[in-house]
Each structure stands twice: as C-alpha cells, then as structure tokens.
C-alpha cells in the first residue's frame, strides 16, 4: 500500500478514486504512566510513556485505515491527515483519514548522464 500526505503519489498516476477511508483508536492513559508523567513534569523532559502510547495509537489507526482501503481494492491512499480529540476524562481518540485510490506507475525515462550532446 502506497501512502502519501500529498494529493498524489510521486511517480504514479491516479487511475481511479475509490472513497474516503479512515481508521481510529481510542486510548486511555495508564495510571502508572500518569504518575511517572507527573514526576517528569516537575523536572522537565520528554514524556516517553506518552510518546510510545501515541506511536502505538498512530500505527493502530493507520493499520485500520489501510485494511479498509485494501478491502475496497485500493493500492494507495492519498491526502492522509491525522486528528486527535478528547473523548472523556483521560481518554483520547486518534483519527487518520485519506482517499483510497488505484495508482499506476508512470513510465518515466531518466536522462542519460553520459549524453554529451545536450
């Protein structure tokens, strides 16, 4: 599956637009992570437990979006965007969406680096 946050896939031509696809996950904070994050807030620095949680959430949402696109017969998703929102106290949704498309590789010919005629 080719993924692009652009409206196209470089080196490819969109031959068919299928539909908007999305994936989401709702995650809550872990009490242990919250305690460690609170301590880290006092001294400063990266909250690695939350960084890991967000990375896992992004990957899960992306996997769900890709599965939907594949089930529709797409081989690429363009215009990918992420969004987050608070659902409840301590729970957040990570939402990713894009347009499922079918792309074909554009036949391009690279310039001959040995051509000295111009």
C-alpha atoms as a PDB file:
ATOM      1  CA  UNK A   1       0.000   0.000   0.000  1.00  0.00           C
ATOM      2  CA  UNK A   2       1.447   3.365  -1.030  1.00  0.00           C
ATOM      3  CA  UNK A   3       0.760   6.165   1.443  1.00  0.00           C
ATOM      4  CA  UNK A   4       1.031   9.888   0.780  1.00  0.00           C
ATOM      5  CA  UNK A   5       0.045  13.038   2.605  1.00  0.00           C
ATOM      6  CA  UNK A   6       0.127  14.741  -0.801  1.00  0.00           C
ATOM      7  CA  UNK A   7      -2.843  14.738  -3.165  1.00  0.00           C
ATOM      8  CA  UNK A   8      -0.940  12.325  -5.406  1.00  0.00           C
ATOM      9  CA  UNK A   9       1.817   9.717  -5.257  1.00  0.00           C
ATOM     10  CA  UNK A  10       5.029  10.942  -6.884  1.00  0.00           C
ATOM     11  CA  UNK A  11       5.934   8.853  -9.919  1.00  0.00           C
ATOM     12  CA  UNK A  12       2.402   7.452 -10.184  1.00  0.00           C
ATOM     13  CA  UNK A  13      -0.838   8.385 -11.908  1.00  0.00           C
ATOM     14  CA  UNK A  14      -4.193   8.036 -10.164  1.00  0.00           C
ATOM     15  CA  UNK A  15      -6.355   5.873 -12.412  1.00  0.00           C
ATOM     16  CA  UNK A  16      -9.354   5.560 -10.080  1.00  0.00           C
ATOM     17  CA  UNK A  17     -10.595   7.318  -6.973  1.00  0.00           C
ATOM     18  CA  UNK A  18     -12.454   4.918  -4.706  1.00  0.00           C
ATOM     19  CA  UNK A  19     -13.612   6.534  -1.456  1.00  0.00           C
ATOM     20  CA  UNK A  20     -12.588   8.235   1.755  1.00  0.00           C
ATOM     21  CA  UNK A  21     -11.130   5.747   4.226  1.00  0.00           C
ATOM     22  CA  UNK A  22     -10.326   6.196   7.875  1.00  0.00           C
ATOM     23  CA  UNK A  23      -9.048   4.453  10.945  1.00  0.00           C
ATOM     24  CA  UNK A  24      -9.306   5.392  14.579  1.00  0.00           C
ATOM     25  CA  UNK A  25      -8.465   4.222  18.038  1.00  0.00           C
ATOM     26  CA  UNK A  26      -9.463   5.497  21.453  1.00  0.00           C
ATOM     27  CA  UNK A  27      -6.897   5.108  24.185  1.00  0.00           C
ATOM     28  CA  UNK A  28      -6.903   5.936  27.853  1.00  0.00           C
ATOM     29  CA  UNK A  29      -3.946   6.907  29.942  1.00  0.00           C
ATOM     30  CA  UNK A  30      -2.398   4.279  32.179  1.00  0.00           C
ATOM     31  CA  UNK A  31      -2.354   5.185  35.882  1.00  0.00           C
ATOM     32  CA  UNK A  32       1.299   4.177  36.227  1.00  0.00           C
ATOM     33  CA  UNK A  33       2.215   6.243  33.191  1.00  0.00           C
ATOM     34  CA  UNK A  34       0.300   9.184  34.642  1.00  0.00           C
ATOM     35  CA  UNK A  35       2.270   9.062  37.877  1.00  0.00           C
ATOM     36  CA  UNK A  36       5.591   8.923  36.045  1.00  0.00           C
ATOM     37  CA  UNK A  37       4.492  11.713  33.710  1.00  0.00           C
ATOM     38  CA  UNK A  38       3.561  13.866  36.698  1.00  0.00           C
ATOM     39  CA  UNK A  39       7.020  13.398  38.154  1.00  0.00           C
ATOM     40  CA  UNK A  40       8.610  14.129  34.785  1.00  0.00           C
ATOM     41  CA  UNK A  41       6.611  17.373  34.558  1.00  0.00           C
ATOM     42  CA  UNK A  42       8.362  18.583  37.703  1.00  0.00           C
ATOM     43  CA  UNK A  43      11.883  18.044  36.357  1.00  0.00           C
ATOM     44  CA  UNK A  44      11.152  18.514  32.646  1.00  0.00           C
ATOM     45  CA  UNK A  45      11.946  16.362  29.648  1.00  0.00           C
ATOM     46  CA  UNK A  46      10.192  14.092  27.212  1.00  0.00           C
ATOM     47  CA  UNK A  47       7.253  12.064  28.484  1.00  0.00           C
ATOM     48  CA  UNK A  48       8.406   8.852  26.783  1.00  0.00           C
ATOM     49  CA  UNK A  49       5.477   6.784  28.073  1.00  0.00           C
ATOM     50  CA  UNK A  50       3.068   9.128  26.264  1.00  0.00           C
ATOM     51  CA  UNK A  51       5.283   9.248  23.184  1.00  0.00           C
ATOM     52  CA  UNK A  52       5.099   5.451  22.997  1.00  0.00           C
ATOM     53  CA  UNK A  53       1.337   5.490  23.580  1.00  0.00           C
ATOM     54  CA  UNK A  54       0.824   7.965  20.731  1.00  0.00           C
ATOM     55  CA  UNK A  55       3.087   5.986  18.392  1.00  0.00           C
ATOM     56  CA  UNK A  56       1.134   2.798  19.110  1.00  0.00           C
ATOM     57  CA  UNK A  57      -2.140   4.678  18.567  1.00  0.00           C
ATOM     58  CA  UNK A  58      -0.978   6.158  15.251  1.00  0.00           C
ATOM     59  CA  UNK A  59       0.121   2.742  13.997  1.00  0.00           C
ATOM     60  CA  UNK A  60      -3.136   1.065  15.038  1.00  0.00           C
ATOM     61  CA  UNK A  61      -5.247   3.761  13.360  1.00  0.00           C
ATOM     62  CA  UNK A  62      -3.095   3.574  10.196  1.00  0.00           C
ATOM     63  CA  UNK A  63      -3.396  -0.239  10.094  1.00  0.00           C
ATOM     64  CA  UNK A  64      -7.185   0.047  10.302  1.00  0.00           C
ATOM     65  CA  UNK A  65      -7.315   2.659   7.531  1.00  0.00           C
ATOM     66  CA  UNK A  66      -5.049   0.551   5.293  1.00  0.00           C
ATOM     67  CA  UNK A  67      -7.207  -2.553   5.868  1.00  0.00           C
ATOM     68  CA  UNK A  68     -10.316  -0.617   4.780  1.00  0.00           C
ATOM     69  CA  UNK A  69      -8.561   0.666   1.652  1.00  0.00           C
ATOM     70  CA  UNK A  70      -7.342  -2.832   0.747  1.00  0.00           C
ATOM     71  CA  UNK A  71     -10.842  -4.253   1.175  1.00  0.00           C
ATOM     72  CA  UNK A  72     -12.056  -1.690  -1.379  1.00  0.00           C
ATOM     73  CA  UNK A  73      -9.370  -2.686  -3.892  1.00  0.00           C
ATOM     74  CA  UNK A  74      -7.102   0.339  -3.455  1.00  0.00           C
ATOM     75  CA  UNK A  75      -3.336   0.179  -3.773  1.00  0.00           C
ATOM     76  CA  UNK A  76      -2.671   3.679  -2.402  1.00  0.00           C
ATOM     77  CA  UNK A  77      -4.075   6.282  -0.025  1.00  0.00           C
ATOM     78  CA  UNK A  78      -3.526   9.974  -0.715  1.00  0.00           C
ATOM     79  CA  UNK A  79      -4.211  13.135   1.264  1.00  0.00           C
ATOM     80  CA  UNK A  80      -3.558  11.434   4.599  1.00  0.00           C
ATOM     81  CA  UNK A  81      -4.298  13.563   7.658  1.00  0.00           C
ATOM     82  CA  UNK A  82      -4.287  12.917  11.409  1.00  0.00           C
ATOM     83  CA  UNK A  83      -6.602  14.340  14.041  1.00  0.00           C
ATOM     84  CA  UNK A  84      -6.892  13.911  17.789  1.00  0.00           C
ATOM     85  CA  UNK A  85      -9.682  14.696  20.203  1.00  0.00           C
ATOM     86  CA  UNK A  86     -10.596  14.120  23.831  1.00  0.00           C
ATOM     87  CA  UNK A  87     -13.437  11.662  24.212  1.00  0.00           C
ATOM     88  CA  UNK A  88     -13.703  11.549  28.013  1.00  0.00           C
ATOM     89  CA  UNK A  89     -11.595  12.360  31.048  1.00  0.00           C
ATOM     90  CA  UNK A  90      -8.284  10.619  30.384  1.00  0.00           C
ATOM     91  CA  UNK A  91      -9.308   9.116  27.009  1.00  0.00           C
ATOM     92  CA  UNK A  92      -8.342  10.416  23.587  1.00  0.00           C
ATOM     93  CA  UNK A  93      -9.139   9.419  20.031  1.00  0.00           C
ATOM     94  CA  UNK A  94      -6.548   9.364  17.292  1.00  0.00           C
ATOM     95  CA  UNK A  95      -8.203   9.542  13.869  1.00  0.00           C
ATOM     96  CA  UNK A  96      -6.492   9.199  10.483  1.00  0.00           C
ATOM     97  CA  UNK A  97      -8.170   9.605   7.102  1.00  0.00           C
ATOM     98  CA  UNK A  98      -7.355   9.836   3.421  1.00  0.00           C
ATOM     99  CA  UNK A  99      -8.641   8.966  -0.036  1.00  0.00           C
ATOM    100  CA  UNK A 100      -8.300   5.384  -1.262  1.00  0.00           C
ATOM    101  CA  UNK A 101      -7.179   5.282  -4.893  1.00  0.00           C
ATOM    102  CA  UNK A 102      -5.750   2.977  -7.526  1.00  0.00           C
ATOM    103  CA  UNK A 103      -2.462   4.204  -8.946  1.00  0.00           C
ATOM    104  CA  UNK A 104      -0.257   3.055 -11.802  1.00  0.00           C
ATOM    105  CA  UNK A 105       3.468   3.659 -12.077  1.00  0.00           C
ATOM    106  CA  UNK A 106       4.246   6.426 -14.504  1.00  0.00           C
ATOM    107  CA  UNK A 107       6.747   5.309 -17.133  1.00  0.00           C
ATOM    108  CA  UNK A 108       9.417   7.947 -16.903  1.00  0.00           C
ATOM    109  CA  UNK A 109      12.773   7.850 -18.523  1.00  0.00           C
ATOM    110  CA  UNK A 110      15.677   9.274 -16.629  1.00  0.00           C
ATOM    111  CA  UNK A 111      18.100  11.498 -18.516  1.00  0.00           C
ATOM    112  CA  UNK A 112      21.202   9.772 -19.852  1.00  0.00           C
ATOM    113  CA  UNK A 113      24.078  11.096 -17.749  1.00  0.00           C
ATOM    114  CA  UNK A 114      26.552  10.125 -20.492  1.00  0.00           C
ATOM    115  CA  UNK A 115      24.830  12.088 -23.248  1.00  0.00           C
ATOM    116  CA  UNK A 116      27.156  14.999 -24.052  1.00  0.00           C
ATOM    117  CA  UNK A 117      25.104  16.332 -26.962  1.00  0.00           C
ATOM    118  CA  UNK A 118      22.886  18.437 -24.799  1.00  0.00           C
END
